[in-house]
Each structure stands twice: as structure tokens, then as C-alpha cells.
C-alpha atoms as a PDB file:
ATOM      1  CA  MET A   1      24.767  35.637 -43.779  1.00  0.00           C
ATOM      2  CA  VAL A   2      23.227  32.281 -42.877  1.00  0.00           C
ATOM      3  CA  THR A   3      21.844  31.848 -39.411  1.00  0.00           C
ATOM      4  CA  THR A   4      20.882  28.612 -37.804  1.00  0.00           C
ATOM      5  CA  ALA A   5      18.310  28.064 -35.141  1.00  0.00           C
ATOM      6  CA  PRO A   6      19.784  27.453 -31.707  1.00  0.00           C
ATOM      7  CA  GLN A   7      19.833  23.806 -30.719  1.00  0.00           C
ATOM      8  CA  THR A   8      17.285  22.840 -28.145  1.00  0.00           C
ATOM      9  CA  ARG A   9      18.969  21.248 -25.201  1.00  0.00           C
ATOM     10  CA  LYS A  10      17.353  18.075 -23.956  1.00  0.00           C
ATOM     11  CA  ARG A  11      15.785  18.637 -20.561  1.00  0.00           C
ATOM     12  CA  ARG A  12      17.462  16.655 -17.844  1.00  0.00           C
ATOM     13  CA  MET A  13      14.896  14.815 -15.745  1.00  0.00           C
ATOM     14  CA  PRO A  14      15.083  15.801 -12.059  1.00  0.00           C
ATOM     15  CA  ARG A  15      16.250  13.007  -9.772  1.00  0.00           C
ATOM     16  CA  ALA A  16      12.923  12.717  -7.934  1.00  0.00           C
ATOM     17  CA  GLU A  17      11.010  12.447 -11.190  1.00  0.00           C
ATOM     18  CA  ARG A  18      13.440   9.882 -12.544  1.00  0.00           C
ATOM     19  CA  GLU A  19      13.133   7.859  -9.364  1.00  0.00           C
ATOM     20  CA  ARG A  20       9.327   7.849  -9.584  1.00  0.00           C
ATOM     21  CA  GLN A  21       9.582   6.646 -13.178  1.00  0.00           C
ATOM     22  CA  MET A  22      11.947   3.835 -12.210  1.00  0.00           C
ATOM     23  CA  LEU A  23       9.700   2.724  -9.356  1.00  0.00           C
ATOM     24  CA  ALA A  24       6.597   2.707 -11.581  1.00  0.00           C
ATOM     25  CA  VAL A  25       8.337   0.545 -14.184  1.00  0.00           C
ATOM     26  CA  ALA A  26       9.886  -1.739 -11.564  1.00  0.00           C
ATOM     27  CA  GLU A  27       6.516  -2.290  -9.852  1.00  0.00           C
ATOM     28  CA  GLU A  28       5.008  -3.235 -13.210  1.00  0.00           C
ATOM     29  CA  ILE A  29       7.780  -5.695 -14.069  1.00  0.00           C
ATOM     30  CA  PHE A  30       7.917  -7.243 -10.589  1.00  0.00           C
ATOM     31  CA  ALA A  31       4.161  -7.831 -10.873  1.00  0.00           C
ATOM     32  CA  GLU A  32       4.465  -9.273 -14.382  1.00  0.00           C
ATOM     33  CA  ARG A  33       7.456 -11.549 -13.833  1.00  0.00           C
ATOM     34  CA  GLY A  34       7.698 -12.141 -10.109  1.00  0.00           C
ATOM     35  CA  TYR A  35      10.721 -10.953  -8.165  1.00  0.00           C
ATOM     36  CA  ALA A  36      13.052 -13.822  -9.062  1.00  0.00           C
ATOM     37  CA  ALA A  37      12.408 -13.593 -12.818  1.00  0.00           C
ATOM     38  CA  ALA A  38      12.467  -9.794 -13.023  1.00  0.00           C
ATOM     39  CA  ALA A  39      15.680  -8.540 -14.621  1.00  0.00           C
ATOM     40  CA  MET A  40      17.400  -5.243 -13.934  1.00  0.00           C
ATOM     41  CA  ASP A  41      18.293  -5.117 -17.628  1.00  0.00           C
ATOM     42  CA  GLU A  42      14.641  -5.089 -18.631  1.00  0.00           C
ATOM     43  CA  ILE A  43      13.722  -2.518 -15.992  1.00  0.00           C
ATOM     44  CA  ALA A  44      16.527  -0.240 -17.182  1.00  0.00           C
ATOM     45  CA  GLU A  45      15.539  -0.674 -20.820  1.00  0.00           C
ATOM     46  CA  ARG A  46      11.887   0.200 -20.181  1.00  0.00           C
ATOM     47  CA  CYS A  47      12.953   3.231 -18.160  1.00  0.00           C
ATOM     48  CA  GLY A  48      15.354   4.362 -20.867  1.00  0.00           C
ATOM     49  CA  VAL A  49      18.292   4.431 -18.458  1.00  0.00           C
ATOM     50  CA  SER A  50      21.439   2.386 -18.013  1.00  0.00           C
ATOM     51  CA  LYS A  51      21.567  -0.527 -15.595  1.00  0.00           C
ATOM     52  CA  PRO A  52      24.389   1.162 -13.633  1.00  0.00           C
ATOM     53  CA  MET A  53      22.018   4.084 -13.022  1.00  0.00           C
ATOM     54  CA  LEU A  54      19.488   1.716 -11.446  1.00  0.00           C
ATOM     55  CA  TYR A  55      22.192   0.429  -9.127  1.00  0.00           C
ATOM     56  CA  GLU A  56      23.295   3.984  -8.378  1.00  0.00           C
ATOM     57  CA  TYR A  57      19.773   4.850  -7.226  1.00  0.00           C
ATOM     58  CA  PHE A  58      18.794   1.645  -5.402  1.00  0.00           C
ATOM     59  CA  GLY A  59      21.936  -0.403  -4.794  1.00  0.00           C
ATOM     60  CA  SER A  60      20.504  -3.788  -5.797  1.00  0.00           C
ATOM     61  CA  LYS A  61      17.396  -5.502  -7.128  1.00  0.00           C
ATOM     62  CA  GLU A  62      16.241  -6.073  -3.570  1.00  0.00           C
ATOM     63  CA  GLY A  63      16.857  -2.393  -2.857  1.00  0.00           C
ATOM     64  CA  LEU A  64      14.621  -1.546  -5.786  1.00  0.00           C
ATOM     65  CA  LEU A  65      11.857  -3.824  -4.478  1.00  0.00           C
ATOM     66  CA  VAL A  66      12.218  -2.313  -1.003  1.00  0.00           C
ATOM     67  CA  ALA A  67      11.831   1.169  -2.514  1.00  0.00           C
ATOM     68  CA  CYS A  68       8.670   0.041  -4.333  1.00  0.00           C
ATOM     69  CA  ILE A  69       7.201  -1.374  -1.118  1.00  0.00           C
ATOM     70  CA  ARG A  70       8.194   1.722   0.875  1.00  0.00           C
ATOM     71  CA  GLN A  71       6.509   3.984  -1.662  1.00  0.00           C
ATOM     72  CA  ALA A  72       3.340   1.889  -1.514  1.00  0.00           C
ATOM     73  CA  ARG A  73       3.470   2.030   2.286  1.00  0.00           C
ATOM     74  CA  GLY A  74       3.473   5.833   2.265  1.00  0.00           C
ATOM     75  CA  GLN A  75       0.721   6.059  -0.354  1.00  0.00           C
ATOM     76  CA  LEU A  76      -1.491   3.615   1.548  1.00  0.00           C
ATOM     77  CA  ALA A  77      -1.044   5.449   4.856  1.00  0.00           C
ATOM     78  CA  THR A  78      -1.954   8.754   3.209  1.00  0.00           C
ATOM     79  CA  ALA A  79      -5.020   7.293   1.492  1.00  0.00           C
ATOM     80  CA  ILE A  80      -6.446   5.810   4.689  1.00  0.00           C
ATOM     81  CA  THR A  81      -5.784   8.787   6.959  1.00  0.00           C
ATOM     82  CA  GLN A  82      -7.241  11.218   4.431  1.00  0.00           C
ATOM     83  CA  ALA A  83     -10.318   9.018   3.950  1.00  0.00           C
ATOM     84  CA  ALA A  84     -11.094   9.173   7.677  1.00  0.00           C
ATOM     85  CA  VAL A  85     -11.128  12.989   7.756  1.00  0.00           C
ATOM     86  CA  GLY A  86     -14.650  14.178   8.521  1.00  0.00           C
ATOM     87  CA  ALA A  87     -15.913  10.802   9.758  1.00  0.00           C
ATOM     88  CA  THR A  88     -18.932  11.132  12.019  1.00  0.00           C
ATOM     89  CA  GLY A  89     -18.127   8.222  14.302  1.00  0.00           C
ATOM     90  CA  PRO A  90     -16.125   5.008  14.676  1.00  0.00           C
ATOM     91  CA  ARG A  91     -18.326   3.020  12.288  1.00  0.00           C
ATOM     92  CA  ASP A  92     -18.092   5.687   9.588  1.00  0.00           C
ATOM     93  CA  ALA A  93     -14.321   6.028  10.103  1.00  0.00           C
ATOM     94  CA  LEU A  94     -13.812   2.270   9.873  1.00  0.00           C
ATOM     95  CA  ARG A  95     -15.818   1.920   6.673  1.00  0.00           C
ATOM     96  CA  ARG A  96     -14.110   4.904   5.055  1.00  0.00           C
ATOM     97  CA  GLY A  97     -10.727   3.429   5.903  1.00  0.00           C
ATOM     98  CA  LEU A  98     -11.701   0.013   4.538  1.00  0.00           C
ATOM     99  CA  VAL A  99     -12.963   1.464   1.260  1.00  0.00           C
ATOM    100  CA  ALA A 100      -9.752   3.472   0.865  1.00  0.00           C
ATOM    101  CA  PHE A 101      -7.695   0.344   1.572  1.00  0.00           C
ATOM    102  CA  PHE A 102      -9.458  -1.717  -1.076  1.00  0.00           C
ATOM    103  CA  GLU A 103      -9.366   1.137  -3.577  1.00  0.00           C
ATOM    104  CA  PHE A 104      -5.611   1.262  -3.072  1.00  0.00           C
ATOM    105  CA  THR A 105      -5.179  -2.484  -3.520  1.00  0.00           C
ATOM    106  CA  ASP A 106      -7.348  -2.285  -6.631  1.00  0.00           C
ATOM    107  CA  ALA A 107      -5.089   0.383  -8.143  1.00  0.00           C
ATOM    108  CA  HIS A 108      -2.028  -1.776  -7.374  1.00  0.00           C
ATOM    109  CA  ARG A 109      -3.662  -5.208  -7.536  1.00  0.00           C
ATOM    110  CA  ARG A 110      -0.924  -7.160  -9.294  1.00  0.00           C
ATOM    111  CA  ALA A 111       1.872  -5.653  -7.255  1.00  0.00           C
ATOM    112  CA  TRP A 112      -0.141  -6.021  -4.032  1.00  0.00           C
ATOM    113  CA  SER A 113      -0.701  -9.707  -4.663  1.00  0.00           C
ATOM    114  CA  LEU A 114       2.989 -10.108  -5.471  1.00  0.00           C
ATOM    115  CA  VAL A 115       4.094  -8.508  -2.202  1.00  0.00           C
ATOM    116  CA  LEU A 116       1.739 -10.468   0.030  1.00  0.00           C
ATOM    117  CA  ARG A 117       2.329 -13.847  -1.611  1.00  0.00           C
ATOM    118  CA  ASN A 118       5.749 -14.155   0.042  1.00  0.00           C
ATOM    119  CA  GLU A 119       7.718 -12.601  -2.844  1.00  0.00           C
ATOM    120  CA  ALA A 120       9.239 -10.131  -0.386  1.00  0.00           C
ATOM    121  CA  ALA A 121      10.572 -13.002   1.730  1.00  0.00           C
ATOM    122  CA  VAL A 122      12.131 -14.501  -1.406  1.00  0.00           C
ATOM    123  CA  ALA A 123      13.818 -11.161  -2.115  1.00  0.00           C
ATOM    124  CA  GLY A 124      15.487 -10.976   1.287  1.00  0.00           C
ATOM    125  CA  GLN A 125      15.223  -9.770   4.866  1.00  0.00           C
ATOM    126  CA  ALA A 126      15.067  -6.075   4.000  1.00  0.00           C
ATOM    127  CA  ALA A 127      12.053  -6.535   1.711  1.00  0.00           C
ATOM    128  CA  ALA A 128      10.284  -8.811   4.191  1.00  0.00           C
ATOM    129  CA  ALA A 129      10.914  -6.257   6.950  1.00  0.00           C
ATOM    130  CA  GLU A 130       9.399  -3.512   4.785  1.00  0.00           C
ATOM    131  CA  VAL A 131       6.231  -5.562   4.264  1.00  0.00           C
ATOM    132  CA  GLU A 132       5.981  -6.069   8.012  1.00  0.00           C
ATOM    133  CA  ALA A 133       6.463  -2.308   8.443  1.00  0.00           C
ATOM    134  CA  ILE A 134       3.358  -1.790   6.302  1.00  0.00           C
ATOM    135  CA  ARG A 135       1.375  -4.017   8.658  1.00  0.00           C
ATOM    136  CA  GLN A 136       2.675  -2.260  11.760  1.00  0.00           C
ATOM    137  CA  GLU A 137       1.965   1.177  10.327  1.00  0.00           C
ATOM    138  CA  GLN A 138      -1.589   0.141   9.462  1.00  0.00           C
ATOM    139  CA  VAL A 139      -2.062  -1.142  13.012  1.00  0.00           C
ATOM    140  CA  GLU A 140      -0.873   2.209  14.372  1.00  0.00           C
ATOM    141  CA  ILE A 141      -3.210   4.139  12.060  1.00  0.00           C
ATOM    142  CA  ASP A 142      -6.207   1.987  13.028  1.00  0.00           C
ATOM    143  CA  LEU A 143      -5.328   2.228  16.708  1.00  0.00           C
ATOM    144  CA  ALA A 144      -5.087   6.020  16.491  1.00  0.00           C
ATOM    145  CA  LEU A 145      -8.485   6.241  14.782  1.00  0.00           C
ATOM    146  CA  LEU A 146     -10.149   3.904  17.266  1.00  0.00           C
ATOM    147  CA  THR A 147      -8.609   5.774  20.202  1.00  0.00           C
ATOM    148  CA  ALA A 148      -9.795   9.108  18.832  1.00  0.00           C
ATOM    149  CA  PHE A 149     -13.401   7.908  18.577  1.00  0.00           C
ATOM    150  CA  LEU A 150     -13.393   5.595  21.607  1.00  0.00           C
ATOM    151  CA  PRO A 151     -11.241   7.376  24.227  1.00  0.00           C
ATOM    152  CA  ASP A 152     -12.863   5.521  27.136  1.00  0.00           C
ATOM    153  CA  ALA A 153     -12.412   1.998  25.749  1.00  0.00           C
ATOM    154  CA  PRO A 154      -9.717  -0.173  27.382  1.00  0.00           C
ATOM    155  CA  ARG A 155      -6.396   0.241  25.598  1.00  0.00           C
ATOM    156  CA  VAL A 156      -5.863  -3.513  25.316  1.00  0.00           C
ATOM    157  CA  ASP A 157      -9.219  -3.913  23.554  1.00  0.00           C
ATOM    158  CA  LEU A 158      -8.333  -1.214  21.022  1.00  0.00           C
ATOM    159  CA  GLU A 159      -4.899  -2.716  20.371  1.00  0.00           C
ATOM    160  CA  ALA A 160      -6.436  -6.142  19.768  1.00  0.00           C
ATOM    161  CA  ALA A 161      -9.094  -4.643  17.487  1.00  0.00           C
ATOM    162  CA  ALA A 162      -6.468  -2.826  15.403  1.00  0.00           C
ATOM    163  CA  GLN A 163      -4.482  -6.046  14.936  1.00  0.00           C
ATOM    164  CA  ILE A 164      -7.632  -7.935  13.923  1.00  0.00           C
ATOM    165  CA  VAL A 165      -8.668  -5.271  11.411  1.00  0.00           C
ATOM    166  CA  VAL A 166      -5.266  -5.307   9.708  1.00  0.00           C
ATOM    167  CA  GLY A 167      -5.100  -9.105   9.584  1.00  0.00           C
ATOM    168  CA  ALA A 168      -8.605  -9.371   8.166  1.00  0.00           C
ATOM    169  CA  CYS A 169      -7.925  -6.670   5.573  1.00  0.00           C
ATOM    170  CA  GLU A 170      -4.778  -8.421   4.384  1.00  0.00           C
ATOM    171  CA  ARG A 171      -6.433 -11.791   3.908  1.00  0.00           C
ATOM    172  CA  LEU A 172      -9.538 -10.401   2.224  1.00  0.00           C
ATOM    173  CA  SER A 173      -7.406  -8.226  -0.053  1.00  0.00           C
ATOM    174  CA  LEU A 174      -5.760 -11.334  -1.532  1.00  0.00           C
ATOM    175  CA  TRP A 175      -9.222 -12.644  -2.419  1.00  0.00           C
ATOM    176  CA  TYR A 176     -10.345  -9.234  -3.637  1.00  0.00           C
ATOM    177  CA  VAL A 177      -7.460  -8.587  -6.057  1.00  0.00           C
ATOM    178  CA  SER A 178      -8.108 -11.940  -7.727  1.00  0.00           C
ATOM    179  CA  ARG A 179     -11.654 -10.946  -8.689  1.00  0.00           C
ATOM    180  CA  ASP A 180     -13.239  -8.468 -11.074  1.00  0.00           C
ATOM    181  CA  ASP A 181     -16.814  -8.821  -9.822  1.00  0.00           C
ATOM    182  CA  VAL A 182     -16.362  -7.183  -6.395  1.00  0.00           C
ATOM    183  CA  THR A 183     -16.010  -3.430  -5.854  1.00  0.00           C
ATOM    184  CA  ALA A 184     -13.988  -1.749  -3.128  1.00  0.00           C
ATOM    185  CA  GLU A 185     -17.230  -0.740  -1.419  1.00  0.00           C
ATOM    186  CA  GLN A 186     -18.538  -4.308  -1.508  1.00  0.00           C
ATOM    187  CA  ALA A 187     -15.291  -5.691  -0.101  1.00  0.00           C
ATOM    188  CA  ALA A 188     -15.462  -3.103   2.692  1.00  0.00           C
ATOM    189  CA  ASP A 189     -19.061  -4.090   3.433  1.00  0.00           C
ATOM    190  CA  HIS A 190     -18.111  -7.771   3.659  1.00  0.00           C
ATOM    191  CA  LEU A 191     -15.595  -6.881   6.366  1.00  0.00           C
ATOM    192  CA  MET A 192     -17.896  -4.418   8.108  1.00  0.00           C
ATOM    193  CA  ARG A 193     -20.549  -7.109   8.607  1.00  0.00           C
ATOM    194  CA  VAL A 194     -18.008  -9.242  10.452  1.00  0.00           C
ATOM    195  CA  LEU A 195     -15.822  -6.676  12.190  1.00  0.00           C
ATOM    196  CA  TRP A 196     -18.445  -4.264  13.405  1.00  0.00           C
ATOM    197  CA  THR A 197     -20.290  -6.989  15.328  1.00  0.00           C
ATOM    198  CA  GLY A 198     -17.327  -7.176  17.662  1.00  0.00           C
ATOM    199  CA  LEU A 199     -16.280  -3.538  17.604  1.00  0.00           C
ATOM    200  CA  ALA A 200     -19.807  -2.379  18.400  1.00  0.00           C
ATOM    201  CA  ALA A 201     -19.357  -3.892  21.861  1.00  0.00           C
ATOM    202  CA  LEU A 202     -16.819  -1.131  22.562  1.00  0.00           C
ATOM    203  CA  VAL A 203     -19.273   1.551  21.486  1.00  0.00           C
ATOM    204  CA  GLU A 204     -22.726   0.489  22.586  1.00  0.00           C
ATOM    205  CA  PRO A 205     -23.993  -1.363  25.661  1.00  0.00           C
ATOM    206  CA  PRO A 206     -25.321  -4.856  24.809  1.00  0.00           C
ATOM    207  CA  THR A 207     -28.964  -3.822  25.286  1.00  0.00           C
ATOM    208  CA  ALA A 208     -28.608  -0.998  22.714  1.00  0.00           C
ATOM    209  CA  ARG A 209     -27.484  -3.233  19.800  1.00  0.00           C
END
């Protein structure tokens, strides 16, 4: 009697895992080609899936870009909030958050540059709105941190400071991701030298600085 070994069934990739794979490949191709030149055919081929499956998951190329931006938004928020855990004061919390921000942009430097250089606006309103949601979420995170460490400071001053921090981070990040000779810590220190001069006024009386 001849017996044959049972055939090994190919493991079906769980949906969440497949989605993460698609987003990783899409981020890479969007960064390489730019949004307009990126093709769903190429993304599907690199993922080893059919193009209809991409559309099933994300609806459109813009939907795929929106999903990439939304994933980055969540990862960035987690990185910054976790970095601030254990901070000894507002200065320490700010620097920790800045370092985490630049470490994140370093890990996603090509995609980060792509998103901020108006590619999202080219893609459509949904993508542009998602980029703005990143900014607003970062403002809320910074405002929460500043409020926690400076509960007696005027609310309007903290709101203005949070907006300034986010705007400064965004502009410096575009410079930072174009260079290989600046570390995340150095980029954070460049901002600290400028930002803390103003923020210190909310912490210390003028005679103490």
C-alpha cells in the first residue's frame, strides 16, 4: 500500500495582517513615485494580491493614501505620548516629545516628506483632511502635556504655544528629512533653543531665567 504525505494547506493571511502589508508597500511606492505616478497595479503586484483586492480594502487610490496617513497619525500620537511618560517637568516633556517626533519622521522620512509637500492635496479632499487631522491631533497632545505640567498658566497662552510647537515641528521636519548629518536629538535641540525661550515665561518669573 502506497501512502502519500498530506498536502500542506497554504495559510490564509488574516485580514489585519494583509492590510498592514498593503499599507507598508503603498507607503513605499507613494514615497518612491509620488501620488500621481503611483499605480495600483504596481502596489498590488508587490503585495502579491490582485488589484480588485486593493479596491475591496480601500475603495480607491486616494482611500489607500488616506489609510497610510491615518496609520501614520496613530503611530505618531502613540510615539509622542509614550515618550512623555515619566517626564520630570515641562522642559523634559517637551524635549522628549520633540525627539520622538523626529525619530518618527526619520523612520518614515520619504513618506513624511511626500505627505507634507502637498501630495495629499493633489490626491483629494479626504487625504488633505487627514493630514490636517494629524496637525490637530498633535496640537491636542501638546496642549494636554502643557496643561498637565502648567495647570496655572492661562489657557489661551497654552493653546497658542501648542499651535506654535506643531507649526515649528512641521517646518523643521521638512529640513530634517532632507539631511543625513542631523540626528533626531540634534533637531530637537535646535527647536528647544528657540521654543523654550518663550515657553519658559510660562514656567519661571522673568527674574529667575
